[in-house]
PDB file of N, CA and C in Angstrom:
ATOM      1  N   MET A   1       0.460   2.221  20.681  1.00  0.00           N
ATOM      2  CA  MET A   1       0.288   1.146  19.723  1.00  0.00           C
ATOM      3  C   MET A   1      -1.073   1.379  18.959  1.00  0.00           C
ATOM      4  N   SER A   2      -1.083   1.241  17.715  1.00  0.00           N
ATOM      5  CA  SER A   2      -2.357   1.453  16.939  1.00  0.00           C
ATOM      6  C   SER A   2      -3.176   0.287  17.041  1.00  0.00           C
ATOM      7  N   PRO A   3      -4.494   0.543  16.834  1.00  0.00           N
ATOM      8  CA  PRO A   3      -5.486  -0.646  16.919  1.00  0.00           C
ATOM      9  C   PRO A   3      -5.127  -1.787  15.916  1.00  0.00           C
ATOM     10  N   PHE A   4      -4.598  -1.448  14.805  1.00  0.00           N
ATOM     11  CA  PHE A   4      -4.222  -2.525  13.766  1.00  0.00           C
ATOM     12  C   PHE A   4      -3.123  -3.360  14.394  1.00  0.00           C
ATOM     13  N   THR A   5      -2.063  -2.791  14.905  1.00  0.00           N
ATOM     14  CA  THR A   5      -0.947  -3.635  15.399  1.00  0.00           C
ATOM     15  C   THR A   5      -1.462  -4.399  16.622  1.00  0.00           C
ATOM     16  N   SER A   6      -2.238  -3.781  17.460  1.00  0.00           N
ATOM     17  CA  SER A   6      -2.695  -4.471  18.724  1.00  0.00           C
ATOM     18  C   SER A   6      -3.596  -5.665  18.379  1.00  0.00           C
ATOM     19  N   VAL A   7      -4.398  -5.617  17.342  1.00  0.00           N
ATOM     20  CA  VAL A   7      -5.103  -6.739  16.854  1.00  0.00           C
ATOM     21  C   VAL A   7      -4.231  -7.777  16.338  1.00  0.00           C
ATOM     22  N   LEU A   8      -3.242  -7.357  15.527  1.00  0.00           N
ATOM     23  CA  LEU A   8      -2.272  -8.346  15.067  1.00  0.00           C
ATOM     24  C   LEU A   8      -1.453  -8.990  16.181  1.00  0.00           C
ATOM     25  N   ALA A   9      -1.069  -8.253  17.136  1.00  0.00           N
ATOM     26  CA  ALA A   9      -0.200  -8.705  18.238  1.00  0.00           C
ATOM     27  C   ALA A   9      -1.116  -9.674  19.048  1.00  0.00           C
ATOM     28  N   GLY A  10      -2.335  -9.431  19.275  1.00  0.00           N
ATOM     29  CA  GLY A  10      -3.156 -10.237  20.124  1.00  0.00           C
ATOM     30  C   GLY A  10      -3.663 -11.501  19.392  1.00  0.00           C
ATOM     31  N   PHE A  11      -4.012 -11.320  18.122  1.00  0.00           N
ATOM     32  CA  PHE A  11      -4.606 -12.360  17.366  1.00  0.00           C
ATOM     33  C   PHE A  11      -3.575 -13.362  16.687  1.00  0.00           C
ATOM     34  N   LEU A  12      -2.589 -12.771  16.070  1.00  0.00           N
ATOM     35  CA  LEU A  12      -1.720 -13.452  15.233  1.00  0.00           C
ATOM     36  C   LEU A  12      -0.304 -13.644  15.972  1.00  0.00           C
ATOM     37  N   GLY A  13      -0.136 -12.826  17.070  1.00  0.00           N
ATOM     38  CA  GLY A  13       1.161 -12.976  17.711  1.00  0.00           C
ATOM     39  C   GLY A  13       2.208 -12.273  17.017  1.00  0.00           C
ATOM     40  N   LEU A  14       1.858 -11.230  16.119  1.00  0.00           N
ATOM     41  CA  LEU A  14       2.844 -10.500  15.322  1.00  0.00           C
ATOM     42  C   LEU A  14       3.199  -9.090  16.057  1.00  0.00           C
ATOM     43  N   GLY A  15       4.440  -8.780  16.025  1.00  0.00           N
ATOM     44  CA  GLY A  15       4.801  -7.429  16.558  1.00  0.00           C
ATOM     45  C   GLY A  15       5.056  -6.472  15.422  1.00  0.00           C
ATOM     46  N   GLY A  16       5.570  -5.302  15.808  1.00  0.00           N
ATOM     47  CA  GLY A  16       5.790  -4.240  14.879  1.00  0.00           C
ATOM     48  C   GLY A  16       6.806  -4.709  13.723  1.00  0.00           C
ATOM     49  N   PRO A  17       8.033  -5.215  14.046  1.00  0.00           N
ATOM     50  CA  PRO A  17       8.969  -5.528  12.994  1.00  0.00           C
ATOM     51  C   PRO A  17       8.395  -6.587  12.054  1.00  0.00           C
ATOM     52  N   GLU A  18       7.582  -7.595  12.501  1.00  0.00           N
ATOM     53  CA  GLU A  18       7.034  -8.629  11.643  1.00  0.00           C
ATOM     54  C   GLU A  18       6.078  -7.991  10.661  1.00  0.00           C
ATOM     55  N   VAL A  19       5.216  -7.065  11.132  1.00  0.00           N
ATOM     56  CA  VAL A  19       4.242  -6.439  10.237  1.00  0.00           C
ATOM     57  C   VAL A  19       4.942  -5.603   9.157  1.00  0.00           C
ATOM     58  N   ILE A  20       6.039  -4.860   9.547  1.00  0.00           N
ATOM     59  CA  ILE A  20       6.787  -4.121   8.626  1.00  0.00           C
ATOM     60  C   ILE A  20       7.434  -5.038   7.573  1.00  0.00           C
ATOM     61  N   ILE A  21       7.952  -6.142   7.946  1.00  0.00           N
ATOM     62  CA  ILE A  21       8.625  -7.042   7.036  1.00  0.00           C
ATOM     63  C   ILE A  21       7.591  -7.585   6.010  1.00  0.00           C
ATOM     64  N   ILE A  22       6.402  -7.979   6.371  1.00  0.00           N
ATOM     65  CA  ILE A  22       5.305  -8.455   5.681  1.00  0.00           C
ATOM     66  C   ILE A  22       4.835  -7.392   4.698  1.00  0.00           C
ATOM     67  N   LEU A  23       4.718  -6.227   5.111  1.00  0.00           N
ATOM     68  CA  LEU A  23       4.291  -5.037   4.252  1.00  0.00           C
ATOM     69  C   LEU A  23       5.358  -4.791   3.170  1.00  0.00           C
ATOM     70  N   VAL A  24       6.636  -4.909   3.514  1.00  0.00           N
ATOM     71  CA  VAL A  24       7.758  -4.638   2.498  1.00  0.00           C
ATOM     72  C   VAL A  24       7.645  -5.864   1.476  1.00  0.00           C
ATOM     73  N   ILE A  25       7.515  -6.999   2.007  1.00  0.00           N
ATOM     74  CA  ILE A  25       7.430  -8.169   1.013  1.00  0.00           C
ATOM     75  C   ILE A  25       6.224  -7.959   0.096  1.00  0.00           C
ATOM     76  N   LEU A  26       5.041  -7.506   0.566  1.00  0.00           N
ATOM     77  CA  LEU A  26       3.888  -7.331  -0.285  1.00  0.00           C
ATOM     78  C   LEU A  26       4.139  -6.164  -1.287  1.00  0.00           C
ATOM     79  N   LEU A  27       4.901  -5.192  -0.850  1.00  0.00           N
ATOM     80  CA  LEU A  27       5.298  -4.073  -1.850  1.00  0.00           C
ATOM     81  C   LEU A  27       6.120  -4.591  -2.896  1.00  0.00           C
ATOM     82  N   VAL A  28       7.084  -5.426  -2.535  1.00  0.00           N
ATOM     83  CA  VAL A  28       8.029  -5.874  -3.541  1.00  0.00           C
ATOM     84  C   VAL A  28       7.225  -6.937  -4.633  1.00  0.00           C
ATOM     85  N   LEU A  29       6.362  -7.721  -4.057  1.00  0.00           N
ATOM     86  CA  LEU A  29       5.681  -8.646  -4.913  1.00  0.00           C
ATOM     87  C   LEU A  29       4.657  -8.050  -5.754  1.00  0.00           C
ATOM     88  N   PHE A  30       3.767  -7.121  -5.249  1.00  0.00           N
ATOM     89  CA  PHE A  30       2.767  -6.615  -6.083  1.00  0.00           C
ATOM     90  C   PHE A  30       2.978  -5.104  -6.557  1.00  0.00           C
ATOM     91  N   GLY A  31       3.924  -4.383  -6.083  1.00  0.00           N
ATOM     92  CA  GLY A  31       4.182  -3.077  -6.502  1.00  0.00           C
ATOM     93  C   GLY A  31       3.182  -2.062  -5.864  1.00  0.00           C
ATOM     94  N   GLY A  32       3.550  -0.883  -5.887  1.00  0.00           N
ATOM     95  CA  GLY A  32       2.863   0.181  -5.227  1.00  0.00           C
ATOM     96  C   GLY A  32       1.499   0.491  -5.747  1.00  0.00           C
ATOM     97  N   SER A  33       1.311   0.174  -7.056  1.00  0.00           N
ATOM     98  CA  SER A  33      -0.018   0.535  -7.707  1.00  0.00           C
ATOM     99  C   SER A  33      -1.050  -0.521  -7.435  1.00  0.00           C
ATOM    100  N   LYS A  34      -0.634  -1.751  -7.187  1.00  0.00           N
ATOM    101  CA  LYS A  34      -1.596  -2.818  -6.932  1.00  0.00           C
ATOM    102  C   LYS A  34      -2.075  -2.938  -5.459  1.00  0.00           C
ATOM    103  N   LEU A  35      -1.345  -2.525  -4.551  1.00  0.00           N
ATOM    104  CA  LEU A  35      -1.631  -2.727  -3.151  1.00  0.00           C
ATOM    105  C   LEU A  35      -2.940  -2.011  -2.694  1.00  0.00           C
ATOM    106  N   PRO A  36      -3.184  -0.780  -3.164  1.00  0.00           N
ATOM    107  CA  PRO A  36      -4.526  -0.143  -2.790  1.00  0.00           C
ATOM    108  C   PRO A  36      -5.678  -0.895  -3.367  1.00  0.00           C
ATOM    109  N   GLU A  37      -5.561  -1.350  -4.558  1.00  0.00           N
ATOM    110  CA  GLU A  37      -6.608  -2.160  -5.113  1.00  0.00           C
ATOM    111  C   GLU A  37      -6.930  -3.521  -4.354  1.00  0.00           C
ATOM    112  N   LEU A  38      -5.773  -4.166  -4.011  1.00  0.00           N
ATOM    113  CA  LEU A  38      -5.912  -5.395  -3.155  1.00  0.00           C
ATOM    114  C   LEU A  38      -6.563  -5.069  -1.825  1.00  0.00           C
ATOM    115  N   ALA A  39      -6.194  -4.081  -1.176  1.00  0.00           N
ATOM    116  CA  ALA A  39      -6.663  -3.711   0.219  1.00  0.00           C
ATOM    117  C   ALA A  39      -8.165  -3.318  -0.048  1.00  0.00           C
ATOM    118  N   LYS A  40      -8.547  -2.719  -1.070  1.00  0.00           N
ATOM    119  CA  LYS A  40      -9.881  -2.333  -1.257  1.00  0.00           C
ATOM    120  C   LYS A  40     -10.811  -3.508  -1.478  1.00  0.00           C
ATOM    121  N   GLY A  41     -10.338  -4.413  -2.279  1.00  0.00           N
ATOM    122  CA  GLY A  41     -11.053  -5.667  -2.569  1.00  0.00           C
ATOM    123  C   GLY A  41     -11.195  -6.565  -1.282  1.00  0.00           C
ATOM    124  N   LEU A  42     -10.164  -6.587  -0.518  1.00  0.00           N
ATOM    125  CA  LEU A  42     -10.171  -7.337   0.768  1.00  0.00           C
ATOM    126  C   LEU A  42     -11.190  -6.745   1.726  1.00  0.00           C
ATOM    127  N   GLY A  43     -11.237  -5.348   1.823  1.00  0.00           N
ATOM    128  CA  GLY A  43     -12.090  -4.746   2.706  1.00  0.00           C
ATOM    129  C   GLY A  43     -13.572  -4.940   2.264  1.00  0.00           C
ATOM    130  N   LYS A  44     -13.787  -4.880   0.962  1.00  0.00           N
ATOM    131  CA  LYS A  44     -15.266  -5.097   0.496  1.00  0.00           C
ATOM    132  C   LYS A  44     -15.619  -6.553   0.758  1.00  0.00           C
ATOM    133  N   SER A  45     -14.682  -7.541   0.618  1.00  0.00           N
ATOM    134  CA  SER A  45     -15.141  -8.890   0.844  1.00  0.00           C
ATOM    135  C   SER A  45     -15.342  -9.103   2.297  1.00  0.00           C
ATOM    136  N   ILE A  46     -14.545  -8.521   3.254  1.00  0.00           N
ATOM    137  CA  ILE A  46     -14.810  -8.707   4.734  1.00  0.00           C
ATOM    138  C   ILE A  46     -16.177  -8.027   5.034  1.00  0.00           C
ATOM    139  N   LYS A  47     -16.435  -6.791   4.512  1.00  0.00           N
ATOM    140  CA  LYS A  47     -17.723  -6.166   4.729  1.00  0.00           C
ATOM    141  C   LYS A  47     -18.921  -7.084   4.288  1.00  0.00           C
ATOM    142  N   GLU A  48     -18.815  -7.643   3.068  1.00  0.00           N
ATOM    143  CA  GLU A  48     -19.932  -8.457   2.640  1.00  0.00           C
ATOM    144  C   GLU A  48     -20.117  -9.664   3.437  1.00  0.00           C
ATOM    145  N   PHE A  49     -18.998 -10.261   3.972  1.00  0.00           N
ATOM    146  CA  PHE A  49     -19.055 -11.470   4.829  1.00  0.00           C
ATOM    147  C   PHE A  49     -19.707 -11.165   6.103  1.00  0.00           C
ATOM    148  N   LYS A  50     -19.379  -9.999   6.680  1.00  0.00           N
ATOM    149  CA  LYS A  50     -19.910  -9.541   7.954  1.00  0.00           C
ATOM    150  C   LYS A  50     -21.496  -9.273   7.786  1.00  0.00           C
ATOM    151  N   ASN A  51     -21.846  -8.676   6.716  1.00  0.00           N
ATOM    152  CA  ASN A  51     -23.265  -8.379   6.440  1.00  0.00           C
ATOM    153  C   ASN A  51     -24.025  -9.705   6.241  1.00  0.00           C
ATOM    154  N   ALA A  52     -23.407 -10.688   5.596  1.00  0.00           N
ATOM    155  CA  ALA A  52     -24.109 -11.967   5.323  1.00  0.00           C
ATOM    156  C   ALA A  52     -24.361 -12.766   6.533  1.00  0.00           C
ATOM    157  N   THR A  53     -23.367 -12.639   7.504  1.00  0.00           N
ATOM    158  CA  THR A  53     -23.477 -13.454   8.768  1.00  0.00           C
ATOM    159  C   THR A  53     -24.420 -12.672   9.738  1.00  0.00           C
ATOM    160  N   ARG A  54     -24.706 -11.449   9.610  1.00  0.00           N
ATOM    161  CA  ARG A  54     -25.601 -10.700  10.518  1.00  0.00           C
ATOM    162  C   ARG A  54     -27.099 -10.907  10.028  1.00  0.00           C
ATOM    163  N   GLU A  55     -27.325 -11.263   8.908  1.00  0.00           N
ATOM    164  CA  GLU A  55     -28.610 -11.274   8.324  1.00  0.00           C
ATOM    165  C   GLU A  55     -29.461 -12.412   8.941  1.00  0.00           C
ATOM    166  N   GLU A  56     -30.780 -12.192   9.144  1.00  0.00           N
ATOM    167  CA  GLU A  56     -31.581 -13.203   9.906  1.00  0.00           C
ATOM    168  C   GLU A  56     -31.743 -14.317   8.866  1.00  0.00           C
ATOM    169  N   PRO A  57     -31.811 -15.579   9.283  1.00  0.00           N
ATOM    170  CA  PRO A  57     -32.062 -16.664   8.376  1.00  0.00           C
ATOM    171  C   PRO A  57     -33.413 -16.609   7.798  1.00  0.00           C
ATOM    172  N   ALA A  58     -33.378 -16.856   6.467  1.00  0.00           N
ATOM    173  CA  ALA A  58     -34.612 -16.801   5.720  1.00  0.00           C
ATOM    174  C   ALA A  58     -35.532 -17.981   6.059  1.00  0.00           C
ATOM    175  N   SER A  59     -36.853 -17.737   5.938  1.00  0.00           N
ATOM    176  CA  SER A  59     -37.782 -18.768   6.269  1.00  0.00           C
ATOM    177  C   SER A  59     -37.594 -19.943   5.326  1.00  0.00           C
ATOM    178  N   PRO A  60     -37.850 -21.134   5.702  1.00  0.00           N
ATOM    179  CA  PRO A  60     -37.621 -22.321   4.757  1.00  0.00           C
ATOM    180  C   PRO A  60     -38.616 -22.146   3.539  1.00  0.00           C
ATOM    181  N   PRO A  61     -38.184 -22.589   2.350  1.00  0.00           N
ATOM    182  CA  PRO A  61     -39.075 -22.457   1.258  1.00  0.00           C
ATOM    183  C   PRO A  61     -40.290 -23.387   1.446  1.00  0.00           C
ATOM    184  N   PRO A  62     -41.490 -22.969   0.764  1.00  0.00           N
ATOM    185  CA  PRO A  62     -42.582 -23.840   0.897  1.00  0.00           C
ATOM    186  C   PRO A  62     -42.385 -25.156   0.216  1.00  0.00           C
ATOM    187  N   THR A  63     -43.071 -26.152   0.865  1.00  0.00           N
ATOM    188  CA  THR A  63     -42.952 -27.442   0.251  1.00  0.00           C
ATOM    189  C   THR A  63     -43.759 -27.527  -1.010  1.00  0.00           C
ATOM    190  N   PRO A  64     -43.227 -28.141  -2.002  1.00  0.00           N
ATOM    191  CA  PRO A  64     -43.993 -28.175  -3.345  1.00  0.00           C
ATOM    192  C   PRO A  64     -45.127 -29.171  -3.219  1.00  0.00           C
ATOM    193  N   VAL A  65     -46.235 -28.856  -3.850  1.00  0.00           N
ATOM    194  CA  VAL A  65     -47.368 -29.723  -3.978  1.00  0.00           C
ATOM    195  C   VAL A  65     -47.158 -30.789  -5.009  1.00  0.00           C
ATOM    196  N   VAL A  66     -47.194 -31.987  -4.729  1.00  0.00           N
ATOM    197  CA  VAL A  66     -46.867 -33.100  -5.609  1.00  0.00           C
ATOM    198  C   VAL A  66     -48.188 -33.598  -6.089  1.00  0.00           C
ATOM    199  N   PRO A  67     -48.502 -33.635  -7.490  1.00  0.00           N
ATOM    200  CA  PRO A  67     -49.682 -34.253  -8.021  1.00  0.00           C
ATOM    201  C   PRO A  67     -49.837 -35.775  -7.579  1.00  0.00           C
ATOM    202  N   ALA A  68     -51.041 -36.213  -7.587  1.00  0.00           N
ATOM    203  CA  ALA A  68     -51.267 -37.544  -7.227  1.00  0.00           C
ATOM    204  C   ALA A  68     -50.566 -38.632  -8.076  1.00  0.00           C
ATOM    205  N   ALA A  69     -50.558 -38.383  -9.442  1.00  0.00           N
ATOM    206  CA  ALA A  69     -49.968 -39.277 -10.369  1.00  0.00           C
ATOM    207  C   ALA A  69     -48.415 -39.429 -10.054  1.00  0.00           C
ATOM    208  N   VAL A  70     -47.748 -38.407  -9.725  1.00  0.00           N
ATOM    209  CA  VAL A  70     -46.382 -38.429  -9.533  1.00  0.00           C
ATOM    210  C   VAL A  70     -46.106 -39.066  -8.118  1.00  0.00           C
ATOM    211  N   ALA A  71     -46.913 -38.796  -7.230  1.00  0.00           N
ATOM    212  CA  ALA A  71     -46.740 -39.375  -5.923  1.00  0.00           C
ATOM    213  C   ALA A  71     -46.986 -40.905  -5.813  1.00  0.00           C
ATOM    214  N   GLY A  72     -47.444 -41.476  -6.856  1.00  0.00           N
ATOM    215  CA  GLY A  72     -47.659 -42.895  -6.840  1.00  0.00           C
ATOM    216  C   GLY A  72     -49.154 -43.432  -6.592  1.00  0.00           C
ATOM    217  N   LYS A  73     -50.006 -42.428  -6.449  1.00  0.00           N
ATOM    218  CA  LYS A  73     -51.332 -42.806  -6.217  1.00  0.00           C
ATOM    219  C   LYS A  73     -52.002 -43.101  -7.636  1.00  0.00           C
ATOM    220  N   PRO A  74     -52.806 -44.088  -7.659  1.00  0.00           N
ATOM    221  CA  PRO A  74     -53.547 -44.281  -8.966  1.00  0.00           C
ATOM    222  C   PRO A  74     -54.542 -43.200  -9.300  1.00  0.00           C
ATOM    223  N   THR A  75     -54.612 -42.932 -10.555  1.00  0.00           N
ATOM    224  CA  THR A  75     -55.593 -41.927 -11.050  1.00  0.00           C
ATOM    225  C   THR A  75     -56.703 -42.609 -11.678  1.00  0.00           C
ATOM    226  N   ASP A  76     -57.842 -41.975 -11.761  1.00  0.00           N
ATOM    227  CA  ASP A  76     -59.012 -42.472 -12.425  1.00  0.00           C
ATOM    228  C   ASP A  76     -58.957 -42.269 -13.874  1.00  0.00           C
ATOM    229  N   ARG A  77     -58.634 -43.399 -14.645  1.00  0.00           N
ATOM    230  CA  ARG A  77     -58.577 -43.394 -16.060  1.00  0.00           C
ATOM    231  C   ARG A  77     -59.577 -44.300 -16.634  1.00  0.00           C
ATOM    232  N   THR A  78     -60.590 -43.676 -17.267  1.00  0.00           N
ATOM    233  CA  THR A  78     -61.641 -44.493 -17.874  1.00  0.00           C
ATOM    234  C   THR A  78     -61.530 -44.269 -19.339  1.00  0.00           C
ATOM    235  N   GLY A  79     -60.908 -45.131 -20.080  1.00  0.00           N
ATOM    236  CA  GLY A  79     -60.742 -44.822 -21.522  1.00  0.00           C
ATOM    237  C   GLY A  79     -60.555 -45.894 -22.328  1.00  0.00           C
TER     238      GLY A  79
END
């Protein structure tokens, strides 16, 4: 059993015939020329998702300094 079918059998509960039926349906719907493009796009998106989840969380952004007039404190206006 290939690693792909063992993952599907364990994770989704699909066997060989089910996978073949799904692949035939995809081939009929999208055609032979679009399937490699779809698979490539799916692979890239999975790779980007894995990389994003492995990155360390960024440090929190610095807190902005609020001027006294905006914060509600009275300013010295002699005029």
